[in-house]
Amino acid sequence: MEETAGNPLYYSCRNCRNPVALHEDLLSKNFLAKSGQAYMFQHAMNIIVGAKEDGQLITGYYTIAKIFCSKCSDEMGWTYVRAFEARDKFKEGKYIVEKAKISNTETNSI
């Protein structure tokens, strides 16, 4: 992975090294997923978006769609399609990617 000033230019699928998100699109590292820590991104690339499903998450009720690596089909996380609570509307259209599913060379801030 290429990096600039200690920060990666992008995050890749840990399984196949397919780029899935740019470092500049990282919004937060304070999310939880099945495998533990997860990151929120403004945009994601080289992914396949699965079917929409409604469900209860830790912070509320949402319509989400699972996201998968477009190269190896590994499940990476999800995207928020709809937030039912006004306080969570900022999450709509954002991507949650499990830290365990991505790799990078950043060592100081992860």
N, C-alpha and C. Protein backbone atom coordinates (compact mmCIF):
# COMPACT_ATOMS: atom_id res chain seq x y z
N MET A 1 0.83 -1.17 0.00
CA MET A 1 0.00 0.00 0.00
C MET A 1 0.88 1.23 0.00
N GLU A 2 0.52 2.19 -0.80
CA GLU A 2 1.25 3.44 -0.83
C GLU A 2 0.86 4.25 0.39
N GLU A 3 1.76 5.10 0.86
CA GLU A 3 1.42 5.96 1.96
C GLU A 3 2.08 7.31 1.81
N THR A 4 1.51 8.30 2.48
CA THR A 4 2.02 9.66 2.46
C THR A 4 2.10 10.16 3.88
N ALA A 5 3.27 10.59 4.31
CA ALA A 5 3.47 11.16 5.65
C ALA A 5 2.89 10.27 6.75
N GLY A 6 3.10 8.98 6.67
CA GLY A 6 2.65 8.05 7.70
C GLY A 6 1.21 7.59 7.57
N ASN A 7 0.46 8.16 6.64
CA ASN A 7 -0.93 7.77 6.45
C ASN A 7 -1.09 7.05 5.12
N PRO A 8 -1.84 5.96 5.08
CA PRO A 8 -2.04 5.26 3.82
C PRO A 8 -2.90 6.09 2.87
N LEU A 9 -2.69 5.92 1.60
CA LEU A 9 -3.55 6.58 0.63
C LEU A 9 -4.90 5.88 0.56
N TYR A 10 -4.90 4.57 0.84
CA TYR A 10 -6.15 3.83 0.80
C TYR A 10 -6.08 2.61 1.71
N TYR A 11 -7.24 2.07 2.01
CA TYR A 11 -7.37 0.83 2.77
C TYR A 11 -7.79 -0.26 1.80
N SER A 12 -7.24 -1.45 1.98
CA SER A 12 -7.49 -2.57 1.06
C SER A 12 -8.14 -3.74 1.78
N CYS A 13 -8.83 -4.57 0.99
CA CYS A 13 -9.37 -5.81 1.50
C CYS A 13 -8.21 -6.66 2.01
N ARG A 14 -8.31 -7.11 3.23
CA ARG A 14 -7.23 -7.91 3.82
C ARG A 14 -7.05 -9.23 3.08
N ASN A 15 -8.11 -9.74 2.50
CA ASN A 15 -8.08 -11.02 1.83
C ASN A 15 -7.39 -10.97 0.46
N CYS A 16 -7.74 -9.96 -0.36
CA CYS A 16 -7.24 -9.93 -1.74
C CYS A 16 -6.50 -8.64 -2.12
N ARG A 17 -6.39 -7.70 -1.20
CA ARG A 17 -5.67 -6.43 -1.41
C ARG A 17 -6.39 -5.47 -2.36
N ASN A 18 -7.63 -5.70 -2.66
CA ASN A 18 -8.43 -4.81 -3.50
C ASN A 18 -8.67 -3.50 -2.73
N PRO A 19 -8.36 -2.33 -3.28
CA PRO A 19 -8.61 -1.06 -2.57
C PRO A 19 -10.12 -0.87 -2.34
N VAL A 20 -10.50 -0.52 -1.10
CA VAL A 20 -11.92 -0.35 -0.80
C VAL A 20 -12.27 1.04 -0.27
N ALA A 21 -11.30 1.79 0.22
CA ALA A 21 -11.60 3.13 0.72
C ALA A 21 -10.33 3.97 0.75
N LEU A 22 -10.51 5.26 0.50
CA LEU A 22 -9.40 6.20 0.58
C LEU A 22 -9.24 6.71 2.00
N HIS A 23 -8.01 6.95 2.40
CA HIS A 23 -7.76 7.49 3.74
C HIS A 23 -8.47 8.83 3.93
N GLU A 24 -8.50 9.64 2.90
CA GLU A 24 -9.13 10.97 3.01
C GLU A 24 -10.64 10.88 3.25
N ASP A 25 -11.25 9.73 3.00
CA ASP A 25 -12.68 9.54 3.23
C ASP A 25 -13.00 8.96 4.61
N LEU A 26 -11.97 8.72 5.43
CA LEU A 26 -12.18 8.20 6.78
C LEU A 26 -12.82 9.27 7.66
N LEU A 27 -13.98 8.96 8.23
CA LEU A 27 -14.69 9.90 9.09
C LEU A 27 -14.54 9.59 10.57
N SER A 28 -14.48 8.30 10.92
CA SER A 28 -14.43 7.92 12.33
C SER A 28 -13.87 6.51 12.49
N LYS A 29 -13.19 6.30 13.61
CA LYS A 29 -12.70 4.97 13.97
C LYS A 29 -13.45 4.43 15.18
N ASN A 30 -14.56 5.06 15.52
CA ASN A 30 -15.29 4.73 16.74
C ASN A 30 -16.59 3.98 16.49
N PHE A 31 -16.53 2.93 15.70
CA PHE A 31 -17.70 2.10 15.44
C PHE A 31 -17.39 0.66 15.82
N LEU A 32 -18.45 -0.10 16.09
CA LEU A 32 -18.31 -1.51 16.43
C LEU A 32 -19.04 -2.36 15.39
N ALA A 33 -18.46 -3.51 15.09
CA ALA A 33 -19.05 -4.47 14.15
C ALA A 33 -18.92 -5.86 14.75
N LYS A 34 -19.31 -6.86 14.00
CA LYS A 34 -19.24 -8.25 14.48
C LYS A 34 -17.86 -8.62 15.00
N SER A 35 -16.83 -8.21 14.27
CA SER A 35 -15.46 -8.60 14.63
C SER A 35 -14.78 -7.62 15.59
N GLY A 36 -15.46 -6.57 15.97
CA GLY A 36 -14.87 -5.57 16.87
C GLY A 36 -14.87 -4.19 16.24
N GLN A 37 -13.74 -3.50 16.31
CA GLN A 37 -13.64 -2.14 15.83
C GLN A 37 -13.95 -2.03 14.34
N ALA A 38 -14.59 -0.91 13.97
CA ALA A 38 -14.92 -0.64 12.57
C ALA A 38 -14.75 0.85 12.30
N TYR A 39 -14.58 1.18 11.04
CA TYR A 39 -14.36 2.56 10.61
C TYR A 39 -15.53 3.03 9.76
N MET A 40 -15.85 4.32 9.89
CA MET A 40 -16.87 4.93 9.03
C MET A 40 -16.17 5.73 7.93
N PHE A 41 -16.60 5.50 6.69
CA PHE A 41 -16.05 6.20 5.54
C PHE A 41 -17.17 6.97 4.82
N GLN A 42 -16.80 8.11 4.28
CA GLN A 42 -17.72 8.91 3.47
C GLN A 42 -18.07 8.17 2.17
N HIS A 43 -17.07 7.53 1.58
CA HIS A 43 -17.24 6.79 0.32
C HIS A 43 -16.51 5.46 0.42
N ALA A 44 -16.91 4.51 -0.40
CA ALA A 44 -16.21 3.23 -0.54
C ALA A 44 -16.15 2.91 -2.03
N MET A 45 -15.15 2.09 -2.41
CA MET A 45 -14.99 1.74 -3.82
C MET A 45 -14.73 0.25 -3.94
N ASN A 46 -14.91 -0.26 -5.14
CA ASN A 46 -14.66 -1.68 -5.41
C ASN A 46 -15.43 -2.59 -4.47
N ILE A 47 -16.68 -2.22 -4.24
CA ILE A 47 -17.55 -3.02 -3.37
C ILE A 47 -18.83 -3.37 -4.12
N ILE A 48 -19.50 -4.37 -3.61
CA ILE A 48 -20.83 -4.76 -4.07
C ILE A 48 -21.77 -4.53 -2.90
N VAL A 49 -22.87 -3.86 -3.16
CA VAL A 49 -23.85 -3.58 -2.11
C VAL A 49 -24.94 -4.64 -2.19
N GLY A 50 -25.19 -5.28 -1.05
CA GLY A 50 -26.20 -6.33 -0.97
C GLY A 50 -27.61 -5.78 -0.82
N ALA A 51 -28.51 -6.68 -0.53
CA ALA A 51 -29.93 -6.32 -0.37
C ALA A 51 -30.14 -5.48 0.89
N LYS A 52 -31.13 -4.60 0.82
CA LYS A 52 -31.50 -3.78 1.97
C LYS A 52 -32.19 -4.64 3.01
N GLU A 53 -31.94 -4.32 4.26
CA GLU A 53 -32.62 -5.01 5.36
C GLU A 53 -32.78 -4.05 6.52
N ASP A 54 -33.92 -4.12 7.19
CA ASP A 54 -34.18 -3.31 8.37
C ASP A 54 -33.75 -4.09 9.59
N GLY A 55 -33.19 -3.37 10.57
CA GLY A 55 -32.79 -4.05 11.79
C GLY A 55 -32.31 -3.12 12.87
N GLN A 56 -32.29 -3.66 14.08
CA GLN A 56 -31.83 -2.93 15.25
C GLN A 56 -30.32 -3.09 15.37
N LEU A 57 -29.60 -1.98 15.43
CA LEU A 57 -28.17 -1.99 15.71
C LEU A 57 -27.97 -1.40 17.10
N ILE A 58 -26.74 -1.29 17.55
CA ILE A 58 -26.46 -0.79 18.89
C ILE A 58 -27.07 0.59 19.12
N THR A 59 -26.98 1.46 18.11
CA THR A 59 -27.39 2.85 18.30
C THR A 59 -28.79 3.17 17.80
N GLY A 60 -29.51 2.21 17.26
CA GLY A 60 -30.86 2.49 16.80
C GLY A 60 -31.32 1.55 15.72
N TYR A 61 -32.46 1.92 15.12
CA TYR A 61 -33.08 1.11 14.08
C TYR A 61 -32.74 1.72 12.72
N TYR A 62 -32.28 0.88 11.77
CA TYR A 62 -31.80 1.36 10.49
C TYR A 62 -32.22 0.42 9.37
N THR A 63 -32.19 0.95 8.15
CA THR A 63 -32.16 0.12 6.96
C THR A 63 -30.71 0.14 6.52
N ILE A 64 -30.12 -1.04 6.40
CA ILE A 64 -28.73 -1.15 6.00
C ILE A 64 -28.62 -2.10 4.82
N ALA A 65 -27.47 -2.12 4.20
CA ALA A 65 -27.16 -3.11 3.17
C ALA A 65 -25.72 -3.55 3.40
N LYS A 66 -25.51 -4.84 3.47
CA LYS A 66 -24.15 -5.36 3.64
C LYS A 66 -23.31 -5.00 2.43
N ILE A 67 -22.01 -4.80 2.65
CA ILE A 67 -21.11 -4.52 1.54
C ILE A 67 -20.06 -5.63 1.45
N PHE A 68 -19.68 -5.95 0.21
CA PHE A 68 -18.76 -7.05 -0.07
C PHE A 68 -17.66 -6.56 -1.00
N CYS A 69 -16.47 -7.13 -0.87
CA CYS A 69 -15.37 -6.83 -1.77
C CYS A 69 -15.76 -7.29 -3.17
N SER A 70 -15.54 -6.43 -4.16
CA SER A 70 -15.93 -6.77 -5.53
C SER A 70 -15.00 -7.80 -6.17
N LYS A 71 -13.85 -8.03 -5.57
CA LYS A 71 -12.89 -8.99 -6.14
C LYS A 71 -13.04 -10.39 -5.54
N CYS A 72 -13.10 -10.47 -4.21
CA CYS A 72 -13.14 -11.79 -3.56
C CYS A 72 -14.47 -12.10 -2.88
N SER A 73 -15.38 -11.14 -2.87
CA SER A 73 -16.72 -11.28 -2.28
C SER A 73 -16.74 -11.40 -0.76
N ASP A 74 -15.64 -11.09 -0.10
CA ASP A 74 -15.60 -11.12 1.37
C ASP A 74 -16.51 -10.03 1.91
N GLU A 75 -17.31 -10.35 2.94
CA GLU A 75 -18.17 -9.35 3.56
C GLU A 75 -17.29 -8.35 4.32
N MET A 76 -17.46 -7.06 4.02
CA MET A 76 -16.60 -6.02 4.60
C MET A 76 -17.28 -5.23 5.72
N GLY A 77 -18.59 -5.13 5.67
CA GLY A 77 -19.33 -4.32 6.64
C GLY A 77 -20.70 -4.00 6.08
N TRP A 78 -21.11 -2.71 6.19
CA TRP A 78 -22.43 -2.32 5.69
C TRP A 78 -22.45 -0.83 5.36
N THR A 79 -23.51 -0.45 4.65
CA THR A 79 -23.79 0.95 4.39
C THR A 79 -25.15 1.27 5.00
N TYR A 80 -25.26 2.47 5.56
CA TYR A 80 -26.53 2.92 6.11
C TYR A 80 -27.38 3.47 4.97
N VAL A 81 -28.51 2.85 4.74
CA VAL A 81 -29.44 3.30 3.70
C VAL A 81 -30.42 4.32 4.31
N ARG A 82 -30.94 4.01 5.49
CA ARG A 82 -31.89 4.89 6.16
C ARG A 82 -31.73 4.80 7.66
N ALA A 83 -31.76 5.96 8.31
CA ALA A 83 -31.78 6.03 9.76
C ALA A 83 -33.18 6.48 10.16
N PHE A 84 -33.80 5.81 11.09
CA PHE A 84 -35.17 6.12 11.48
C PHE A 84 -35.24 7.24 12.51
N GLU A 85 -34.15 7.51 13.21
CA GLU A 85 -34.11 8.58 14.21
C GLU A 85 -33.40 9.80 13.62
N ALA A 86 -33.92 10.97 13.88
CA ALA A 86 -33.34 12.22 13.35
C ALA A 86 -31.88 12.38 13.75
N ARG A 87 -31.53 11.98 14.95
CA ARG A 87 -30.15 12.15 15.44
C ARG A 87 -29.13 11.29 14.67
N ASP A 88 -29.61 10.27 13.96
CA ASP A 88 -28.73 9.36 13.23
C ASP A 88 -28.73 9.59 11.72
N LYS A 89 -29.43 10.59 11.24
CA LYS A 89 -29.54 10.84 9.79
C LYS A 89 -28.18 11.09 9.14
N PHE A 90 -27.19 11.60 9.89
CA PHE A 90 -25.86 11.86 9.33
C PHE A 90 -25.19 10.57 8.85
N LYS A 91 -25.64 9.43 9.31
CA LYS A 91 -25.04 8.15 8.92
C LYS A 91 -25.51 7.66 7.54
N GLU A 92 -26.62 8.18 7.07
CA GLU A 92 -27.17 7.73 5.80
C GLU A 92 -26.16 7.95 4.67
N GLY A 93 -25.98 6.90 3.86
CA GLY A 93 -25.04 6.97 2.75
C GLY A 93 -23.58 6.74 3.12
N LYS A 94 -23.31 6.53 4.40
CA LYS A 94 -21.93 6.28 4.85
C LYS A 94 -21.68 4.78 4.90
N TYR A 95 -20.40 4.41 4.94
CA TYR A 95 -19.98 3.01 4.91
C TYR A 95 -19.24 2.65 6.19
N ILE A 96 -19.61 1.53 6.77
CA ILE A 96 -18.92 1.00 7.94
C ILE A 96 -18.13 -0.21 7.48
N VAL A 97 -16.82 -0.17 7.66
CA VAL A 97 -15.93 -1.26 7.24
C VAL A 97 -15.23 -1.80 8.48
N GLU A 98 -15.31 -3.10 8.67
CA GLU A 98 -14.68 -3.73 9.83
C GLU A 98 -13.16 -3.64 9.73
N LYS A 99 -12.52 -3.20 10.80
CA LYS A 99 -11.06 -3.08 10.82
C LYS A 99 -10.40 -4.42 10.51
N ALA A 100 -10.97 -5.51 10.98
CA ALA A 100 -10.41 -6.85 10.75
C ALA A 100 -10.44 -7.25 9.29
N LYS A 101 -11.22 -6.55 8.48
CA LYS A 101 -11.37 -6.91 7.07
C LYS A 101 -10.48 -6.09 6.14
N ILE A 102 -9.78 -5.09 6.68
CA ILE A 102 -8.95 -4.22 5.85
C ILE A 102 -7.52 -4.22 6.36
N SER A 103 -6.60 -3.83 5.47
CA SER A 103 -5.21 -3.71 5.87
C SER A 103 -4.67 -2.37 5.37
N ASN A 104 -3.65 -1.90 6.05
CA ASN A 104 -2.95 -0.68 5.68
C ASN A 104 -1.59 -0.71 6.34
N THR A 105 -0.80 0.29 6.10
CA THR A 105 0.55 0.34 6.68
C THR A 105 0.66 1.42 7.74
N GLU A 106 -0.46 2.03 8.09
CA GLU A 106 -0.45 3.07 9.10
C GLU A 106 -0.19 2.41 10.45
N THR A 107 0.79 2.90 11.19
CA THR A 107 1.12 2.27 12.47
C THR A 107 0.89 3.17 13.67
N ASN A 108 0.87 4.48 13.50
CA ASN A 108 0.78 5.37 14.63
C ASN A 108 -0.63 5.64 15.11
N SER A 109 -1.62 5.69 14.22
CA SER A 109 -2.93 6.13 14.64
C SER A 109 -4.00 5.06 14.60
N ILE A 110 -3.67 3.84 14.29
CA ILE A 110 -4.68 2.78 14.30
C ILE A 110 -4.43 1.86 15.48
